[in-house]
Each structure stands twice: as C-alpha cells, then as structure tokens.
C-alpha cells in the first residue's frame, strides 16, 4: 500500500514537471511581445477606467494609442497635461483645443417651469419619462430625478431646484450623463463658454410660454441681433455656433425670455492706449457697432457705451494698442 502511494506521488510529480516544462516552453515560444510604451502610458493614465475615451478601461486606451487607433488626447480625465506626458512617450506633440464640458441646457426650475402631474414612482428620469413623458409640462425639459447624478463617478452633478446642475470644474467629459438622459437635455459646450442657449424645447411661442417662463420662444431676435452671425435657428430653437461666438452678449441683452445665459457684469470693454495708437483705422473698420472713432493717422477713441466687448479690435490691432478690461 505504501509503495502504491509513493508511486502515485512520484508519477504525479513527474507529470507535473513535464507539463510545467511544456507550459514554460510554450509561454516563451508563443509569447506575444508587449510594446513597452503600453506600460509607460498605463503608468501616467489616471486609472479611472471610466470608459469616457470609448475604450475598455485605461489599458485598452493605452494599447489603442500605441497602435495608432486613438489620439494621445483621447483621455477626457487627464486633460492637456496628460496629453503632453503621453506625447513625450510616443514622441508626438499634443494638439489640444479648449476643453469641452457637459452642460444642462434647461432653466426649468421649480420656479420657472410648470408641472402637469405629480410623480410618485421610481426616482429615475428614464422611468418617469415612460409615463406621459414625465411630470413636467415641457416634454423637453430636465426631469431632475438624478439619473445623471447616479452615473457620474466624479461628483460633478447635483440636483438643485428640480433640475440637474453640472460643475464644469469637476466634469471630465466622460459622457455618461449624456448617455442616460432620456430628454437629451445635456450637451457639450466649451469650458470657457458663458453664452449658451439654455433651452431644449422644440415648441414655439405661446406653447413654450405657458409651460416655462424662461424658454426659447423662437422669436429670432437673437439671430438678427448677433453681429457675427453666430446664432442660427433650427427646429424652433436658437443655436449658437461656439466657433463664431465672441461673448459680446448682445443676444443675452436682447433675449426677451432670458433663455440665453450670460453674465453681463463680466462683459469687458476695449481701451485704446494712446501712446501706442498710430491711427491706422483697422480697429475702426473691424468694429461691428461703430464704437471706434478717429481719422487716419490720428489717435482713436472708443465709445464705452457702444462697445460690446467682442474683442475684434483687440485681435486686429497691429500695434497691440488695445486692451480688454
């Protein structure tokens, strides 16, 4: 009996040794070489594994970057600093634009928007939207039940006055909130964009006003007033082309329902430094509101009351004689 046990142990040991040697040989023979840059990129990635880049976790993104399938700016969490680090690893230069953040394009708070019913069901926007499009009169507005709050891993969203509000400094552009919002009331906007049409309604005129006091009524006043043709009109709703917007805030002033957000107290004014001005008249020609006066080769002046702070004169001045304050 003892010999049988001993032989069994020896046999199993020998088999284990043979199989182990075979596996060790196979692991070397058929090993897939991993580009060392993948590990280097993995080390600098934040490790959030949020999926905002569109790849399965940070390791998936690292592999995609090395394989040339994803740009070095693909991580929405790390920002430009991370892109520079990855660029150094890959021997590339990061070309980054202004960061975009998620924004709730709705002002339908409990004070501004009316309800058509009381909702006592599951505290989830998707569930509420399945019942007569939710309790709010405006079928396009934020329901404020916090579905976006629950999916945000970075604490960037809170519910205040019955609508979601996003902290742009905490937003990492992962896009999870956009995916779960049943009303498509969350959209991308540049980080520094203060002028935004905060309305999602596709209705028109009176149909909007009876439901929300701050909704876009489709009057097109902003479209006509914008000096830079940055506002268009589509499906009964004003839309801002952020690439053309100069933050002059004329639309904010003109909007009769205040559906366009913008802090007029932050509007800057152009000031000409007389000792630098050569009277070239370029600023005068570029000003869209005729706020600049002065003849050729004479010192120019800016009418502060007319200036809308668009910065066009500041951008075009060849002598840097204009400042925005």
C-alpha atoms as a PDB file:
ATOM      1  CA  UNK A   1       0.000   0.000   0.000  1.00  0.00           C
ATOM      2  CA  UNK A   2       2.811   2.362   0.889  1.00  0.00           C
ATOM      3  CA  UNK A   3       4.553   1.591  -2.392  1.00  0.00           C
ATOM      4  CA  UNK A   4       1.343   2.354  -4.294  1.00  0.00           C
ATOM      5  CA  UNK A   5       1.002   5.756  -2.661  1.00  0.00           C
ATOM      6  CA  UNK A   6       4.680   6.510  -3.251  1.00  0.00           C
ATOM      7  CA  UNK A   7       4.456   5.528  -6.913  1.00  0.00           C
ATOM      8  CA  UNK A   8       1.344   7.661  -7.340  1.00  0.00           C
ATOM      9  CA  UNK A   9       3.051  10.704  -5.810  1.00  0.00           C
ATOM     10  CA  UNK A  10       6.138  10.210  -7.948  1.00  0.00           C
ATOM     11  CA  UNK A  11       4.026   9.762 -11.074  1.00  0.00           C
ATOM     12  CA  UNK A  12       2.019  12.914 -10.403  1.00  0.00           C
ATOM     13  CA  UNK A  13       5.197  14.820  -9.638  1.00  0.00           C
ATOM     14  CA  UNK A  14       6.814  13.671 -12.849  1.00  0.00           C
ATOM     15  CA  UNK A  15       3.724  14.566 -14.853  1.00  0.00           C
ATOM     16  CA  UNK A  16       3.606  17.982 -13.196  1.00  0.00           C
ATOM     17  CA  UNK A  17       7.271  18.544 -14.037  1.00  0.00           C
ATOM     18  CA  UNK A  18       6.741  17.543 -17.670  1.00  0.00           C
ATOM     19  CA  UNK A  19       3.606  19.660 -18.105  1.00  0.00           C
ATOM     20  CA  UNK A  20       5.171  22.613 -16.297  1.00  0.00           C
ATOM     21  CA  UNK A  21       8.235  22.460 -18.528  1.00  0.00           C
ATOM     22  CA  UNK A  22       5.977  22.259 -21.562  1.00  0.00           C
ATOM     23  CA  UNK A  23       3.978  25.297 -20.478  1.00  0.00           C
ATOM     24  CA  UNK A  24       7.144  27.254 -19.734  1.00  0.00           C
ATOM     25  CA  UNK A  25       8.499  26.429 -23.180  1.00  0.00           C
ATOM     26  CA  UNK A  26       5.178  27.328 -24.847  1.00  0.00           C
ATOM     27  CA  UNK A  27       4.978  30.646 -22.974  1.00  0.00           C
ATOM     28  CA  UNK A  28       8.359  31.610 -24.364  1.00  0.00           C
ATOM     29  CA  UNK A  29       7.832  30.138 -27.811  1.00  0.00           C
ATOM     30  CA  UNK A  30       4.424  31.700 -28.405  1.00  0.00           C
ATOM     31  CA  UNK A  31       4.772  34.802 -26.253  1.00  0.00           C
ATOM     32  CA  UNK A  32       3.205  37.970 -27.644  1.00  0.00           C
ATOM     33  CA  UNK A  33       5.582  40.853 -27.220  1.00  0.00           C
ATOM     34  CA  UNK A  34       4.047  43.852 -25.460  1.00  0.00           C
ATOM     35  CA  UNK A  35       5.234  47.254 -26.569  1.00  0.00           C
ATOM     36  CA  UNK A  36       6.906  48.821 -23.504  1.00  0.00           C
ATOM     37  CA  UNK A  37       5.150  52.088 -24.342  1.00  0.00           C
ATOM     38  CA  UNK A  38       1.840  50.481 -23.349  1.00  0.00           C
ATOM     39  CA  UNK A  39       3.094  50.055 -19.788  1.00  0.00           C
ATOM     40  CA  UNK A  40       4.594  53.540 -19.779  1.00  0.00           C
ATOM     41  CA  UNK A  41       1.276  55.066 -20.883  1.00  0.00           C
ATOM     42  CA  UNK A  42      -0.618  52.933 -18.371  1.00  0.00           C
ATOM     43  CA  UNK A  43       1.510  54.399 -15.597  1.00  0.00           C
ATOM     44  CA  UNK A  44       0.623  58.009 -16.466  1.00  0.00           C
ATOM     45  CA  UNK A  45      -3.084  57.371 -17.161  1.00  0.00           C
ATOM     46  CA  UNK A  46      -5.343  58.263 -14.196  1.00  0.00           C
ATOM     47  CA  UNK A  47      -6.678  54.725 -13.742  1.00  0.00           C
ATOM     48  CA  UNK A  48     -10.287  55.907 -13.559  1.00  0.00           C
ATOM     49  CA  UNK A  49     -11.441  53.281 -16.091  1.00  0.00           C
ATOM     50  CA  UNK A  50     -14.477  55.476 -16.755  1.00  0.00           C
ATOM     51  CA  UNK A  51     -14.824  54.497 -20.411  1.00  0.00           C
ATOM     52  CA  UNK A  52     -15.108  58.129 -21.471  1.00  0.00           C
ATOM     53  CA  UNK A  53     -12.416  57.550 -24.090  1.00  0.00           C
ATOM     54  CA  UNK A  54     -14.515  54.885 -25.792  1.00  0.00           C
ATOM     55  CA  UNK A  55     -12.164  52.027 -24.895  1.00  0.00           C
ATOM     56  CA  UNK A  56     -12.468  49.266 -22.258  1.00  0.00           C
ATOM     57  CA  UNK A  57     -10.525  50.864 -19.447  1.00  0.00           C
ATOM     58  CA  UNK A  58      -7.191  52.639 -19.295  1.00  0.00           C
ATOM     59  CA  UNK A  59      -5.210  49.619 -20.515  1.00  0.00           C
ATOM     60  CA  UNK A  60      -7.433  49.363 -23.576  1.00  0.00           C
ATOM     61  CA  UNK A  61      -6.786  53.025 -24.336  1.00  0.00           C
ATOM     62  CA  UNK A  62      -3.019  52.597 -23.857  1.00  0.00           C
ATOM     63  CA  UNK A  63      -2.975  49.769 -26.403  1.00  0.00           C
ATOM     64  CA  UNK A  64      -5.104  51.807 -28.825  1.00  0.00           C
ATOM     65  CA  UNK A  65      -2.775  54.817 -28.579  1.00  0.00           C
ATOM     66  CA  UNK A  66       0.318  52.708 -29.235  1.00  0.00           C
ATOM     67  CA  UNK A  67      -1.418  51.007 -32.181  1.00  0.00           C
ATOM     68  CA  UNK A  68      -2.337  54.374 -33.643  1.00  0.00           C
ATOM     69  CA  UNK A  69      -6.067  53.750 -33.189  1.00  0.00           C
ATOM     70  CA  UNK A  70      -6.614  56.566 -30.672  1.00  0.00           C
ATOM     71  CA  UNK A  71      -5.123  60.070 -30.385  1.00  0.00           C
ATOM     72  CA  UNK A  72      -2.857  60.969 -27.494  1.00  0.00           C
ATOM     73  CA  UNK A  73      -5.560  63.394 -26.344  1.00  0.00           C
ATOM     74  CA  UNK A  74      -8.213  60.646 -26.031  1.00  0.00           C
ATOM     75  CA  UNK A  75      -8.354  60.569 -22.218  1.00  0.00           C
ATOM     76  CA  UNK A  76     -11.037  63.049 -21.064  1.00  0.00           C
ATOM     77  CA  UNK A  77      -9.915  62.903 -17.432  1.00  0.00           C
ATOM     78  CA  UNK A  78      -6.259  63.885 -17.669  1.00  0.00           C
ATOM     79  CA  UNK A  79      -6.584  66.947 -19.879  1.00  0.00           C
ATOM     80  CA  UNK A  80      -3.728  68.701 -21.672  1.00  0.00           C
ATOM     81  CA  UNK A  81      -1.105  67.851 -19.022  1.00  0.00           C
ATOM     82  CA  UNK A  82      -1.699  64.134 -19.518  1.00  0.00           C
ATOM     83  CA  UNK A  83      -1.701  64.549 -23.299  1.00  0.00           C
ATOM     84  CA  UNK A  84       1.746  66.150 -23.064  1.00  0.00           C
ATOM     85  CA  UNK A  85       3.055  63.221 -20.989  1.00  0.00           C
ATOM     86  CA  UNK A  86       1.683  60.662 -23.438  1.00  0.00           C
ATOM     87  CA  UNK A  87       3.065  62.743 -26.280  1.00  0.00           C
ATOM     88  CA  UNK A  88       6.545  62.528 -24.752  1.00  0.00           C
ATOM     89  CA  UNK A  89       6.247  58.740 -24.544  1.00  0.00           C
ATOM     90  CA  UNK A  90       5.017  58.468 -28.123  1.00  0.00           C
ATOM     91  CA  UNK A  91       7.389  61.110 -29.490  1.00  0.00           C
ATOM     92  CA  UNK A  92       4.488  63.270 -30.621  1.00  0.00           C
ATOM     93  CA  UNK A  93       3.186  66.754 -29.935  1.00  0.00           C
ATOM     94  CA  UNK A  94      -0.282  67.070 -28.464  1.00  0.00           C
ATOM     95  CA  UNK A  95      -2.624  69.325 -30.365  1.00  0.00           C
ATOM     96  CA  UNK A  96      -5.308  70.265 -27.879  1.00  0.00           C
ATOM     97  CA  UNK A  97      -8.220  72.656 -28.194  1.00  0.00           C
ATOM     98  CA  UNK A  98     -10.362  74.123 -25.467  1.00  0.00           C
ATOM     99  CA  UNK A  99     -11.771  71.534 -23.129  1.00  0.00           C
ATOM    100  CA  UNK A 100     -15.455  70.724 -23.568  1.00  0.00           C
ATOM    101  CA  UNK A 101     -17.729  70.013 -20.635  1.00  0.00           C
ATOM    102  CA  UNK A 102     -21.258  68.739 -20.209  1.00  0.00           C
ATOM    103  CA  UNK A 103     -23.972  71.337 -19.623  1.00  0.00           C
ATOM    104  CA  UNK A 104     -27.664  71.002 -18.800  1.00  0.00           C
ATOM    105  CA  UNK A 105     -29.410  73.191 -21.390  1.00  0.00           C
ATOM    106  CA  UNK A 106     -32.520  73.858 -19.342  1.00  0.00           C
ATOM    107  CA  UNK A 107     -33.597  76.535 -16.859  1.00  0.00           C
ATOM    108  CA  UNK A 108     -36.857  74.808 -15.997  1.00  0.00           C
ATOM    109  CA  UNK A 109     -36.527  75.061 -12.226  1.00  0.00           C
ATOM    110  CA  UNK A 110     -39.479  74.679  -9.897  1.00  0.00           C
ATOM    111  CA  UNK A 111     -39.961  78.463 -10.108  1.00  0.00           C
ATOM    112  CA  UNK A 112     -39.747  78.729 -13.903  1.00  0.00           C
ATOM    113  CA  UNK A 113     -41.465  75.610 -15.211  1.00  0.00           C
ATOM    114  CA  UNK A 114     -44.910  74.188 -14.548  1.00  0.00           C
ATOM    115  CA  UNK A 115     -45.848  70.601 -13.766  1.00  0.00           C
ATOM    116  CA  UNK A 116     -48.697  68.757 -15.443  1.00  0.00           C
ATOM    117  CA  UNK A 117     -48.814  65.967 -12.855  1.00  0.00           C
ATOM    118  CA  UNK A 118     -47.337  64.686  -9.629  1.00  0.00           C
ATOM    119  CA  UNK A 119     -44.919  61.807  -9.908  1.00  0.00           C
ATOM    120  CA  UNK A 120     -44.581  59.241  -7.108  1.00  0.00           C
ATOM    121  CA  UNK A 121     -42.776  56.443  -8.941  1.00  0.00           C
ATOM    122  CA  UNK A 122     -39.166  55.299  -9.138  1.00  0.00           C
ATOM    123  CA  UNK A 123     -36.751  58.195  -8.723  1.00  0.00           C
ATOM    124  CA  UNK A 124     -35.251  57.739 -12.142  1.00  0.00           C
ATOM    125  CA  UNK A 125     -35.632  60.057 -15.134  1.00  0.00           C
ATOM    126  CA  UNK A 126     -35.921  57.181 -17.584  1.00  0.00           C
ATOM    127  CA  UNK A 127     -38.727  55.576 -15.612  1.00  0.00           C
ATOM    128  CA  UNK A 128     -40.593  58.880 -15.265  1.00  0.00           C
ATOM    129  CA  UNK A 129     -40.172  59.656 -18.970  1.00  0.00           C
ATOM    130  CA  UNK A 130     -42.053  56.479 -19.854  1.00  0.00           C
ATOM    131  CA  UNK A 131     -45.185  57.871 -18.190  1.00  0.00           C
ATOM    132  CA  UNK A 132     -46.629  60.688 -20.335  1.00  0.00           C
ATOM    133  CA  UNK A 133     -43.070  61.964 -20.909  1.00  0.00           C
ATOM    134  CA  UNK A 134     -42.646  62.845 -17.246  1.00  0.00           C
ATOM    135  CA  UNK A 135     -44.433  65.164 -14.800  1.00  0.00           C
ATOM    136  CA  UNK A 136     -43.219  68.474 -16.265  1.00  0.00           C
ATOM    137  CA  UNK A 137     -45.363  70.395 -18.736  1.00  0.00           C
ATOM    138  CA  UNK A 138     -42.389  70.859 -21.053  1.00  0.00           C
ATOM    139  CA  UNK A 139     -41.674  67.473 -22.570  1.00  0.00           C
ATOM    140  CA  UNK A 140     -38.140  68.576 -23.469  1.00  0.00           C
ATOM    141  CA  UNK A 141     -37.024  69.799 -20.036  1.00  0.00           C
ATOM    142  CA  UNK A 142     -34.863  68.277 -17.319  1.00  0.00           C
ATOM    143  CA  UNK A 143     -36.875  65.984 -15.048  1.00  0.00           C
ATOM    144  CA  UNK A 144     -34.480  66.450 -12.129  1.00  0.00           C
ATOM    145  CA  UNK A 145     -34.736  62.947 -10.698  1.00  0.00           C
ATOM    146  CA  UNK A 146     -30.995  62.402 -10.644  1.00  0.00           C
ATOM    147  CA  UNK A 147     -30.275  59.617 -13.119  1.00  0.00           C
ATOM    148  CA  UNK A 148     -27.292  61.619 -14.368  1.00  0.00           C
ATOM    149  CA  UNK A 149     -26.155  62.186 -10.787  1.00  0.00           C
ATOM    150  CA  UNK A 150     -26.094  58.429 -10.165  1.00  0.00           C
ATOM    151  CA  UNK A 151     -23.911  57.633 -13.183  1.00  0.00           C
ATOM    152  CA  UNK A 152     -21.407  60.443 -12.638  1.00  0.00           C
ATOM    153  CA  UNK A 153     -18.368  58.935 -10.934  1.00  0.00           C
ATOM    154  CA  UNK A 154     -16.770  62.296 -10.257  1.00  0.00           C
ATOM    155  CA  UNK A 155     -19.411  64.104  -8.190  1.00  0.00           C
ATOM    156  CA  UNK A 156     -19.859  66.756 -10.864  1.00  0.00           C
ATOM    157  CA  UNK A 157     -23.681  66.797 -10.893  1.00  0.00           C
ATOM    158  CA  UNK A 158     -26.197  67.858  -8.265  1.00  0.00           C
ATOM    159  CA  UNK A 159     -29.940  68.429  -8.323  1.00  0.00           C
ATOM    160  CA  UNK A 160     -30.965  71.949  -7.366  1.00  0.00           C
ATOM    161  CA  UNK A 161     -34.427  73.485  -7.709  1.00  0.00           C
ATOM    162  CA  UNK A 162     -35.649  70.383  -9.573  1.00  0.00           C
ATOM    163  CA  UNK A 163     -33.033  70.418 -12.337  1.00  0.00           C
ATOM    164  CA  UNK A 164     -29.544  68.980 -12.703  1.00  0.00           C
ATOM    165  CA  UNK A 165     -26.578  71.314 -12.485  1.00  0.00           C
ATOM    166  CA  UNK A 166     -23.062  70.384 -13.597  1.00  0.00           C
ATOM    167  CA  UNK A 167     -19.866  71.676 -12.012  1.00  0.00           C
ATOM    168  CA  UNK A 168     -17.671  72.281 -15.054  1.00  0.00           C
ATOM    169  CA  UNK A 169     -14.525  72.144 -12.932  1.00  0.00           C
ATOM    170  CA  UNK A 170     -15.346  68.574 -11.888  1.00  0.00           C
ATOM    171  CA  UNK A 171     -16.631  67.380 -15.266  1.00  0.00           C
ATOM    172  CA  UNK A 172     -14.151  65.054 -17.015  1.00  0.00           C
ATOM    173  CA  UNK A 173     -16.098  64.767 -20.292  1.00  0.00           C
ATOM    174  CA  UNK A 174     -16.767  61.050 -19.888  1.00  0.00           C
ATOM    175  CA  UNK A 175     -20.207  61.446 -21.482  1.00  0.00           C
ATOM    176  CA  UNK A 176     -22.059  59.081 -19.126  1.00  0.00           C
ATOM    177  CA  UNK A 177     -24.668  61.710 -18.258  1.00  0.00           C
ATOM    178  CA  UNK A 178     -25.420  62.343 -21.942  1.00  0.00           C
ATOM    179  CA  UNK A 179     -25.956  58.625 -22.498  1.00  0.00           C
ATOM    180  CA  UNK A 180     -28.557  58.156 -19.763  1.00  0.00           C
ATOM    181  CA  UNK A 181     -30.559  61.395 -20.089  1.00  0.00           C
ATOM    182  CA  UNK A 182     -33.913  60.435 -21.663  1.00  0.00           C
ATOM    183  CA  UNK A 183     -34.608  64.039 -22.678  1.00  0.00           C
ATOM    184  CA  UNK A 184     -31.259  64.691 -24.398  1.00  0.00           C
ATOM    185  CA  UNK A 185     -31.105  67.864 -22.322  1.00  0.00           C
ATOM    186  CA  UNK A 186     -27.359  67.587 -21.643  1.00  0.00           C
ATOM    187  CA  UNK A 187     -24.983  68.839 -24.331  1.00  0.00           C
ATOM    188  CA  UNK A 188     -21.313  69.656 -24.825  1.00  0.00           C
ATOM    189  CA  UNK A 189     -20.072  73.232 -24.515  1.00  0.00           C
ATOM    190  CA  UNK A 190     -16.554  74.709 -24.393  1.00  0.00           C
ATOM    191  CA  UNK A 191     -15.265  75.127 -20.838  1.00  0.00           C
ATOM    192  CA  UNK A 192     -14.977  78.904 -21.168  1.00  0.00           C
ATOM    193  CA  UNK A 193     -18.298  79.387 -22.943  1.00  0.00           C
ATOM    194  CA  UNK A 194     -20.520  81.630 -20.828  1.00  0.00           C
ATOM    195  CA  UNK A 195     -23.079  82.471 -23.525  1.00  0.00           C
ATOM    196  CA  UNK A 196     -25.361  79.460 -24.020  1.00  0.00           C
ATOM    197  CA  UNK A 197     -28.957  78.919 -25.127  1.00  0.00           C
ATOM    198  CA  UNK A 198     -30.203  77.148 -22.012  1.00  0.00           C
ATOM    199  CA  UNK A 199     -33.341  75.681 -23.534  1.00  0.00           C
ATOM    200  CA  UNK A 200     -34.109  72.376 -25.234  1.00  0.00           C
ATOM    201  CA  UNK A 201     -37.725  72.971 -26.245  1.00  0.00           C
ATOM    202  CA  UNK A 202     -38.750  72.381 -29.855  1.00  0.00           C
ATOM    203  CA  UNK A 203     -42.103  74.112 -29.363  1.00  0.00           C
ATOM    204  CA  UNK A 204     -42.897  77.656 -30.447  1.00  0.00           C
ATOM    205  CA  UNK A 205     -44.174  80.915 -28.983  1.00  0.00           C
ATOM    206  CA  UNK A 206     -47.193  80.611 -26.708  1.00  0.00           C
ATOM    207  CA  UNK A 207     -46.803  76.843 -26.372  1.00  0.00           C
ATOM    208  CA  UNK A 208     -43.479  77.485 -24.670  1.00  0.00           C
ATOM    209  CA  UNK A 209     -44.514  80.470 -22.542  1.00  0.00           C
ATOM    210  CA  UNK A 210     -47.430  78.691 -20.869  1.00  0.00           C
ATOM    211  CA  UNK A 211     -45.105  75.925 -19.731  1.00  0.00           C
ATOM    212  CA  UNK A 212     -41.866  77.751 -18.893  1.00  0.00           C
ATOM    213  CA  UNK A 213     -41.182  81.436 -18.340  1.00  0.00           C
ATOM    214  CA  UNK A 214     -37.556  81.209 -19.498  1.00  0.00           C
ATOM    215  CA  UNK A 215     -37.910  79.023 -22.584  1.00  0.00           C
ATOM    216  CA  UNK A 216     -36.849  79.930 -26.124  1.00  0.00           C
ATOM    217  CA  UNK A 217     -39.992  81.103 -27.946  1.00  0.00           C
ATOM    218  CA  UNK A 218     -38.412  81.168 -31.385  1.00  0.00           C
ATOM    219  CA  UNK A 219     -38.662  84.914 -31.895  1.00  0.00           C
ATOM    220  CA  UNK A 220     -35.303  85.016 -33.751  1.00  0.00           C
ATOM    221  CA  UNK A 221     -34.383  88.359 -32.159  1.00  0.00           C
ATOM    222  CA  UNK A 222     -31.005  86.910 -31.170  1.00  0.00           C
ATOM    223  CA  UNK A 223     -30.376  85.673 -34.705  1.00  0.00           C
ATOM    224  CA  UNK A 224     -30.955  89.150 -36.127  1.00  0.00           C
ATOM    225  CA  UNK A 225     -29.045  90.941 -33.360  1.00  0.00           C
ATOM    226  CA  UNK A 226     -25.828  88.893 -33.421  1.00  0.00           C
ATOM    227  CA  UNK A 227     -23.123  90.960 -35.189  1.00  0.00           C
ATOM    228  CA  UNK A 228     -21.139  87.825 -36.071  1.00  0.00           C
ATOM    229  CA  UNK A 229     -23.856  85.541 -37.446  1.00  0.00           C
ATOM    230  CA  UNK A 230     -23.038  83.084 -34.684  1.00  0.00           C
ATOM    231  CA  UNK A 231     -26.667  82.200 -33.990  1.00  0.00           C
ATOM    232  CA  UNK A 232     -28.821  80.057 -36.224  1.00  0.00           C
ATOM    233  CA  UNK A 233     -32.367  78.797 -35.876  1.00  0.00           C
ATOM    234  CA  UNK A 234     -33.324  75.155 -36.169  1.00  0.00           C
ATOM    235  CA  UNK A 235     -36.456  73.267 -35.144  1.00  0.00           C
ATOM    236  CA  UNK A 236     -37.921  76.299 -33.320  1.00  0.00           C
ATOM    237  CA  UNK A 237     -34.771  76.685 -31.227  1.00  0.00           C
ATOM    238  CA  UNK A 238     -31.856  79.141 -31.351  1.00  0.00           C
ATOM    239  CA  UNK A 239     -28.416  77.552 -31.554  1.00  0.00           C
ATOM    240  CA  UNK A 240     -25.019  79.189 -31.015  1.00  0.00           C
ATOM    241  CA  UNK A 241     -22.024  78.357 -33.170  1.00  0.00           C
ATOM    242  CA  UNK A 242     -19.370  78.480 -30.463  1.00  0.00           C
ATOM    243  CA  UNK A 243     -16.574  78.845 -33.017  1.00  0.00           C
ATOM    244  CA  UNK A 244     -18.067  82.188 -34.098  1.00  0.00           C
ATOM    245  CA  UNK A 245     -19.265  83.465 -30.707  1.00  0.00           C
ATOM    246  CA  UNK A 246     -17.178  86.355 -29.331  1.00  0.00           C
ATOM    247  CA  UNK A 247     -19.016  86.655 -25.982  1.00  0.00           C
ATOM    248  CA  UNK A 248     -20.270  90.106 -26.923  1.00  0.00           C
ATOM    249  CA  UNK A 249     -23.518  89.146 -25.133  1.00  0.00           C
ATOM    250  CA  UNK A 250     -25.769  91.156 -27.448  1.00  0.00           C
ATOM    251  CA  UNK A 251     -28.013  88.102 -27.629  1.00  0.00           C
ATOM    252  CA  UNK A 252     -28.153  87.952 -23.829  1.00  0.00           C
ATOM    253  CA  UNK A 253     -29.323  91.566 -23.748  1.00  0.00           C
ATOM    254  CA  UNK A 254     -31.914  91.107 -26.477  1.00  0.00           C
ATOM    255  CA  UNK A 255     -33.476  87.761 -25.497  1.00  0.00           C
ATOM    256  CA  UNK A 256     -36.982  88.613 -24.189  1.00  0.00           C
ATOM    257  CA  UNK A 257     -37.314  85.462 -22.066  1.00  0.00           C
ATOM    258  CA  UNK A 258     -33.705  85.290 -20.821  1.00  0.00           C
ATOM    259  CA  UNK A 259     -33.335  81.828 -22.337  1.00  0.00           C
ATOM    260  CA  UNK A 260     -29.768  82.731 -23.277  1.00  0.00           C
ATOM    261  CA  UNK A 261     -27.406  82.654 -20.322  1.00  0.00           C
ATOM    262  CA  UNK A 262     -24.534  85.096 -19.887  1.00  0.00           C
ATOM    263  CA  UNK A 263     -23.256  87.307 -17.085  1.00  0.00           C
ATOM    264  CA  UNK A 264     -23.337  90.874 -18.383  1.00  0.00           C
ATOM    265  CA  UNK A 265     -21.292  92.032 -15.408  1.00  0.00           C
ATOM    266  CA  UNK A 266     -18.336  90.107 -16.875  1.00  0.00           C
ATOM    267  CA  UNK A 267     -18.532  91.877 -20.233  1.00  0.00           C
ATOM    268  CA  UNK A 268     -15.200  93.552 -20.961  1.00  0.00           C
ATOM    269  CA  UNK A 269     -14.630  96.885 -22.656  1.00  0.00           C
ATOM    270  CA  UNK A 270     -11.932  97.828 -25.152  1.00  0.00           C
ATOM    271  CA  UNK A 271      -9.496 100.571 -24.167  1.00  0.00           C
ATOM    272  CA  UNK A 272      -7.012 102.252 -26.522  1.00  0.00           C
ATOM    273  CA  UNK A 273      -3.549 103.149 -25.238  1.00  0.00           C
ATOM    274  CA  UNK A 274      -2.941 106.488 -26.961  1.00  0.00           C
ATOM    275  CA  UNK A 275       0.840 106.302 -26.842  1.00  0.00           C
ATOM    276  CA  UNK A 276       0.740 103.114 -28.955  1.00  0.00           C
ATOM    277  CA  UNK A 277      -2.052 104.056 -31.379  1.00  0.00           C
ATOM    278  CA  UNK A 278      -0.799 105.006 -34.856  1.00  0.00           C
ATOM    279  CA  UNK A 279      -4.210 105.842 -36.315  1.00  0.00           C
ATOM    280  CA  UNK A 280      -4.236 103.006 -38.849  1.00  0.00           C
ATOM    281  CA  UNK A 281      -8.089 102.786 -38.638  1.00  0.00           C
ATOM    282  CA  UNK A 282      -8.046  98.954 -38.648  1.00  0.00           C
ATOM    283  CA  UNK A 283      -9.910  98.830 -35.347  1.00  0.00           C
ATOM    284  CA  UNK A 284     -12.471 101.291 -36.655  1.00  0.00           C
ATOM    285  CA  UNK A 285     -13.125  99.167 -39.737  1.00  0.00           C
ATOM    286  CA  UNK A 286     -13.437  95.940 -37.735  1.00  0.00           C
ATOM    287  CA  UNK A 287     -15.791  97.243 -35.035  1.00  0.00           C
ATOM    288  CA  UNK A 288     -19.284  95.833 -35.766  1.00  0.00           C
ATOM    289  CA  UNK A 289     -21.101  98.509 -33.743  1.00  0.00           C
ATOM    290  CA  UNK A 290     -19.220 101.674 -34.781  1.00  0.00           C
ATOM    291  CA  UNK A 291     -17.835 102.194 -31.295  1.00  0.00           C
ATOM    292  CA  UNK A 292     -14.441 103.415 -32.564  1.00  0.00           C
ATOM    293  CA  UNK A 293     -13.921 106.954 -33.839  1.00  0.00           C
ATOM    294  CA  UNK A 294     -10.872 108.721 -35.278  1.00  0.00           C
ATOM    295  CA  UNK A 295      -9.338 109.774 -38.565  1.00  0.00           C
ATOM    296  CA  UNK A 296      -6.411 108.219 -40.398  1.00  0.00           C
ATOM    297  CA  UNK A 297      -3.071 108.849 -38.609  1.00  0.00           C
ATOM    298  CA  UNK A 298      -4.851 110.391 -35.615  1.00  0.00           C
ATOM    299  CA  UNK A 299      -5.430 108.924 -32.167  1.00  0.00           C
ATOM    300  CA  UNK A 300      -8.581 106.822 -31.988  1.00  0.00           C
ATOM    301  CA  UNK A 301     -11.187 106.676 -29.226  1.00  0.00           C
ATOM    302  CA  UNK A 302     -13.705 104.044 -28.131  1.00  0.00           C
ATOM    303  CA  UNK A 303     -17.219 104.908 -27.033  1.00  0.00           C
ATOM    304  CA  UNK A 304     -17.660 102.829 -23.891  1.00  0.00           C
ATOM    305  CA  UNK A 305     -21.437 102.987 -24.153  1.00  0.00           C
ATOM    306  CA  UNK A 306     -21.385 101.434 -27.624  1.00  0.00           C
ATOM    307  CA  UNK A 307     -18.582  98.900 -27.040  1.00  0.00           C
ATOM    308  CA  UNK A 308     -19.932  95.351 -26.706  1.00  0.00           C
ATOM    309  CA  UNK A 309     -16.635  93.775 -25.678  1.00  0.00           C
ATOM    310  CA  UNK A 310     -16.348  91.498 -28.710  1.00  0.00           C
ATOM    311  CA  UNK A 311     -12.527  91.900 -28.830  1.00  0.00           C
ATOM    312  CA  UNK A 312     -12.425  92.238 -32.614  1.00  0.00           C
ATOM    313  CA  UNK A 313     -10.419  95.482 -32.415  1.00  0.00           C
ATOM    314  CA  UNK A 314      -8.118  93.916 -29.842  1.00  0.00           C
ATOM    315  CA  UNK A 315      -7.423  90.934 -32.114  1.00  0.00           C
ATOM    316  CA  UNK A 316      -6.735  93.023 -35.197  1.00  0.00           C
ATOM    317  CA  UNK A 317      -4.648  95.890 -33.788  1.00  0.00           C
ATOM    318  CA  UNK A 318      -1.136  95.567 -35.330  1.00  0.00           C
ATOM    319  CA  UNK A 319       0.495  97.595 -32.538  1.00  0.00           C
ATOM    320  CA  UNK A 320      -1.210  95.940 -29.566  1.00  0.00           C
ATOM    321  CA  UNK A 321      -2.551  99.334 -28.595  1.00  0.00           C
ATOM    322  CA  UNK A 322      -5.871  97.957 -27.340  1.00  0.00           C
ATOM    323  CA  UNK A 323      -6.574  96.212 -24.078  1.00  0.00           C
ATOM    324  CA  UNK A 324      -9.715  94.478 -22.845  1.00  0.00           C
ATOM    325  CA  UNK A 325     -10.712  95.380 -19.299  1.00  0.00           C
END
